[in-house]
C-alpha atoms as a PDB file:
ATOM      1  CA  MET A   1      66.074 152.369 -53.141  1.00  0.00           C
ATOM      2  CA  LEU A   2      69.297 152.887 -55.038  1.00  0.00           C
ATOM      3  CA  LYS A   3      71.037 156.144 -54.224  1.00  0.00           C
ATOM      4  CA  ILE A   4      73.138 157.819 -56.887  1.00  0.00           C
ATOM      5  CA  ASN A   5      76.099 160.061 -56.065  1.00  0.00           C
ATOM      6  CA  HIS A   6      77.802 161.979 -58.855  1.00  0.00           C
ATOM      7  CA  ASN A   7      80.617 163.183 -56.592  1.00  0.00           C
ATOM      8  CA  LEU A   8      83.305 160.512 -56.791  1.00  0.00           C
ATOM      9  CA  GLU A   9      85.816 162.506 -54.749  1.00  0.00           C
ATOM     10  CA  ASP A  10      83.485 162.766 -51.755  1.00  0.00           C
ATOM     11  CA  ALA A  11      82.546 159.104 -52.127  1.00  0.00           C
ATOM     12  CA  LEU A  12      86.209 158.082 -52.097  1.00  0.00           C
ATOM     13  CA  LEU A  13      86.875 160.204 -49.004  1.00  0.00           C
ATOM     14  CA  GLU A  14      83.905 158.625 -47.234  1.00  0.00           C
ATOM     15  CA  TYR A  15      85.027 155.171 -48.388  1.00  0.00           C
ATOM     16  CA  LEU A  16      88.487 155.701 -46.904  1.00  0.00           C
ATOM     17  CA  SER A  17      87.052 157.011 -43.640  1.00  0.00           C
ATOM     18  CA  LEU A  18      84.712 154.040 -43.332  1.00  0.00           C
ATOM     19  CA  LEU A  19      87.502 151.557 -44.069  1.00  0.00           C
ATOM     20  CA  GLU A  20      89.496 153.078 -41.205  1.00  0.00           C
ATOM     21  CA  LYS A  21      86.510 152.479 -38.907  1.00  0.00           C
ATOM     22  CA  GLU A  22      86.235 148.881 -40.169  1.00  0.00           C
ATOM     23  CA  GLU A  23      82.758 149.670 -41.519  1.00  0.00           C
ATOM     24  CA  TYR A  24      83.348 147.707 -44.681  1.00  0.00           C
ATOM     25  CA  PHE A  25      79.741 147.283 -45.796  1.00  0.00           C
ATOM     26  CA  ASP A  26      79.106 151.010 -45.459  1.00  0.00           C
ATOM     27  CA  ALA A  27      82.333 151.753 -47.345  1.00  0.00           C
ATOM     28  CA  HIS A  28      81.113 149.470 -50.125  1.00  0.00           C
ATOM     29  CA  GLU A  29      77.751 151.254 -50.191  1.00  0.00           C
ATOM     30  CA  ALA A  30      79.269 154.753 -50.235  1.00  0.00           C
ATOM     31  CA  LEU A  31      81.461 153.978 -53.222  1.00  0.00           C
ATOM     32  CA  GLU A  32      78.786 151.971 -55.008  1.00  0.00           C
ATOM     33  CA  GLU A  33      76.542 155.060 -55.062  1.00  0.00           C
ATOM     34  CA  ALA A  34      79.227 156.869 -57.074  1.00  0.00           C
ATOM     35  CA  TRP A  35      79.965 153.815 -59.217  1.00  0.00           C
ATOM     36  CA  HIS A  36      76.473 153.606 -60.722  1.00  0.00           C
ATOM     37  CA  PRO A  37      76.797 156.818 -62.800  1.00  0.00           C
ATOM     38  CA  LEU A  38      80.241 155.671 -63.971  1.00  0.00           C
ATOM     39  CA  ARG A  39      78.908 152.292 -64.986  1.00  0.00           C
ATOM     40  CA  GLN A  40      75.953 153.770 -66.841  1.00  0.00           C
ATOM     41  CA  SER A  41      78.202 156.189 -68.742  1.00  0.00           C
ATOM     42  CA  GLN A  42      80.777 153.505 -69.565  1.00  0.00           C
ATOM     43  CA  ASP A  43      83.429 155.666 -67.878  1.00  0.00           C
ATOM     44  CA  PRO A  44      86.797 153.860 -67.903  1.00  0.00           C
ATOM     45  CA  MET A  45      87.133 154.443 -64.137  1.00  0.00           C
ATOM     46  CA  ARG A  46      84.181 152.153 -63.523  1.00  0.00           C
ATOM     47  CA  HIS A  47      86.442 149.111 -63.324  1.00  0.00           C
ATOM     48  CA  VAL A  48      88.856 150.444 -60.710  1.00  0.00           C
ATOM     49  CA  VAL A  49      85.957 151.751 -58.599  1.00  0.00           C
ATOM     50  CA  LYS A  50      84.193 148.387 -58.851  1.00  0.00           C
ATOM     51  CA  GLY A  51      87.413 146.714 -57.729  1.00  0.00           C
ATOM     52  CA  PHE A  52      87.593 148.897 -54.619  1.00  0.00           C
ATOM     53  CA  ILE A  53      83.908 148.232 -53.879  1.00  0.00           C
ATOM     54  CA  ASN A  54      84.590 144.506 -53.957  1.00  0.00           C
ATOM     55  CA  GLY A  55      87.750 144.976 -51.938  1.00  0.00           C
ATOM     56  CA  ALA A  56      85.696 146.433 -49.087  1.00  0.00           C
ATOM     57  CA  ILE A  57      83.029 143.755 -49.228  1.00  0.00           C
ATOM     58  CA  SER A  58      85.697 141.051 -48.984  1.00  0.00           C
ATOM     59  CA  PHE A  59      86.536 142.267 -45.514  1.00  0.00           C
ATOM     60  CA  GLU A  60      82.851 142.459 -44.587  1.00  0.00           C
ATOM     61  CA  HIS A  61      82.640 138.725 -45.295  1.00  0.00           C
ATOM     62  CA  LEU A  62      85.506 138.155 -42.868  1.00  0.00           C
ATOM     63  CA  LYS A  63      84.050 140.511 -40.277  1.00  0.00           C
ATOM     64  CA  ARG A  64      80.691 138.704 -40.272  1.00  0.00           C
ATOM     65  CA  ASN A  65      82.467 135.334 -40.138  1.00  0.00           C
ATOM     66  CA  ARG A  66      79.565 133.393 -41.586  1.00  0.00           C
ATOM     67  CA  LYS A  67      79.810 129.988 -43.193  1.00  0.00           C
ATOM     68  CA  ASN A  68      82.286 130.071 -46.099  1.00  0.00           C
ATOM     69  CA  ALA A  69      83.412 133.601 -45.155  1.00  0.00           C
ATOM     70  CA  GLN A  70      87.009 133.017 -46.199  1.00  0.00           C
ATOM     71  CA  MET A  71      86.035 131.442 -49.501  1.00  0.00           C
ATOM     72  CA  ASN A  72      83.607 134.284 -50.245  1.00  0.00           C
ATOM     73  CA  ALA A  73      86.213 136.900 -49.332  1.00  0.00           C
ATOM     74  CA  GLN A  74      88.744 135.289 -51.668  1.00  0.00           C
ATOM     75  CA  LYS A  75      86.196 135.118 -54.471  1.00  0.00           C
ATOM     76  CA  VAL A  76      85.140 138.765 -54.162  1.00  0.00           C
ATOM     77  CA  ILE A  77      88.685 140.136 -53.798  1.00  0.00           C
ATOM     78  CA  SER A  78      89.443 138.779 -57.266  1.00  0.00           C
ATOM     79  CA  SER A  79      87.631 141.763 -58.821  1.00  0.00           C
ATOM     80  CA  TYR A  80      89.871 144.106 -56.863  1.00  0.00           C
ATOM     81  CA  GLU A  81      92.929 142.139 -57.952  1.00  0.00           C
ATOM     82  CA  ARG A  82      91.816 142.235 -61.584  1.00  0.00           C
ATOM     83  CA  TYR A  83      91.410 146.029 -61.663  1.00  0.00           C
ATOM     84  CA  LYS A  84      93.818 147.435 -59.068  1.00  0.00           C
ATOM     85  CA  HIS A  85      96.469 148.244 -61.695  1.00  0.00           C
ATOM     86  CA  LEU A  86      94.042 150.699 -63.314  1.00  0.00           C
ATOM     87  CA  ARG A  87      94.515 153.122 -60.420  1.00  0.00           C
ATOM     88  CA  TYR A  88      97.597 154.395 -62.258  1.00  0.00           C
ATOM     89  CA  GLU A  89      95.508 155.401 -65.265  1.00  0.00           C
ATOM     90  CA  THR A  90      93.112 157.702 -63.400  1.00  0.00           C
ATOM     91  CA  GLY A  91      94.558 161.193 -63.318  1.00  0.00           C
ATOM     92  CA  GLU A  92      91.975 163.211 -61.419  1.00  0.00           C
ATOM     93  CA  TYR A  93      91.569 160.748 -58.531  1.00  0.00           C
ATOM     94  CA  LYS A  94      94.993 159.152 -58.635  1.00  0.00           C
ATOM     95  CA  GLU A  95      95.923 160.206 -55.085  1.00  0.00           C
ATOM     96  CA  LEU A  96      92.676 158.941 -53.559  1.00  0.00           C
ATOM     97  CA  PHE A  97      92.909 155.693 -55.505  1.00  0.00           C
ATOM     98  CA  ALA A  98      96.463 155.277 -54.201  1.00  0.00           C
ATOM     99  CA  LYS A  99      95.217 155.684 -50.623  1.00  0.00           C
ATOM    100  CA  ALA A 100      92.419 153.180 -51.218  1.00  0.00           C
ATOM    101  CA  TYR A 101      94.928 150.750 -52.714  1.00  0.00           C
ATOM    102  CA  GLN A 102      97.234 151.123 -49.705  1.00  0.00           C
ATOM    103  CA  LYS A 103      94.366 150.509 -47.298  1.00  0.00           C
ATOM    104  CA  ILE A 104      93.088 147.403 -49.087  1.00  0.00           C
ATOM    105  CA  GLU A 105      96.618 146.002 -49.352  1.00  0.00           C
ATOM    106  CA  SER A 106      97.121 146.678 -45.637  1.00  0.00           C
ATOM    107  CA  LEU A 107      93.912 144.816 -44.838  1.00  0.00           C
ATOM    108  CA  LYS A 108      94.974 141.925 -47.053  1.00  0.00           C
ATOM    109  CA  ASN A 109      98.244 141.723 -45.131  1.00  0.00           C
ATOM    110  CA  LYS A 110      96.349 141.823 -41.841  1.00  0.00           C
ATOM    111  CA  HIS A 111      94.347 138.825 -43.054  1.00  0.00           C
ATOM    112  CA  SER A 112      97.221 137.064 -44.786  1.00  0.00           C
ATOM    113  CA  GLU A 113      95.931 133.679 -43.611  1.00  0.00           C
ATOM    114  CA  VAL A 114      93.015 134.226 -46.017  1.00  0.00           C
ATOM    115  CA  PHE A 115      94.761 136.045 -48.822  1.00  0.00           C
ATOM    116  CA  ASP A 116      98.199 134.415 -48.634  1.00  0.00           C
ATOM    117  CA  VAL A 117      98.206 133.485 -52.307  1.00  0.00           C
ATOM    118  CA  LEU A 118      97.044 136.975 -53.258  1.00  0.00           C
ATOM    119  CA  VAL A 119      99.214 139.202 -51.045  1.00  0.00           C
ATOM    120  CA  SER A 120     101.381 141.391 -53.286  1.00  0.00           C
END
């Protein structure tokens, strides 16, 4: 059953903690719970949050190393790439979005063999 979380700050903190533990699927889930209310309300932050959700799941594809993992990771990271610039436009959560951005970029660099054309 879909869980809804209206506390984006707590979700972002949990997301960052889970990324540090390399628990990418759980990070995706934690932030997705807070994304649903944003999406339903048409909140402008919904795009940047969705990008970070997809950023985490990209690394889950690599972690699981299933067939086509690299291709799937590249495909999913495109949502992150499309929306990452919006982190500058989000006043209230700007600092947490900056930390999430730094972590995803660090992970992309760690996996540069996969994201070499995307590494900023």
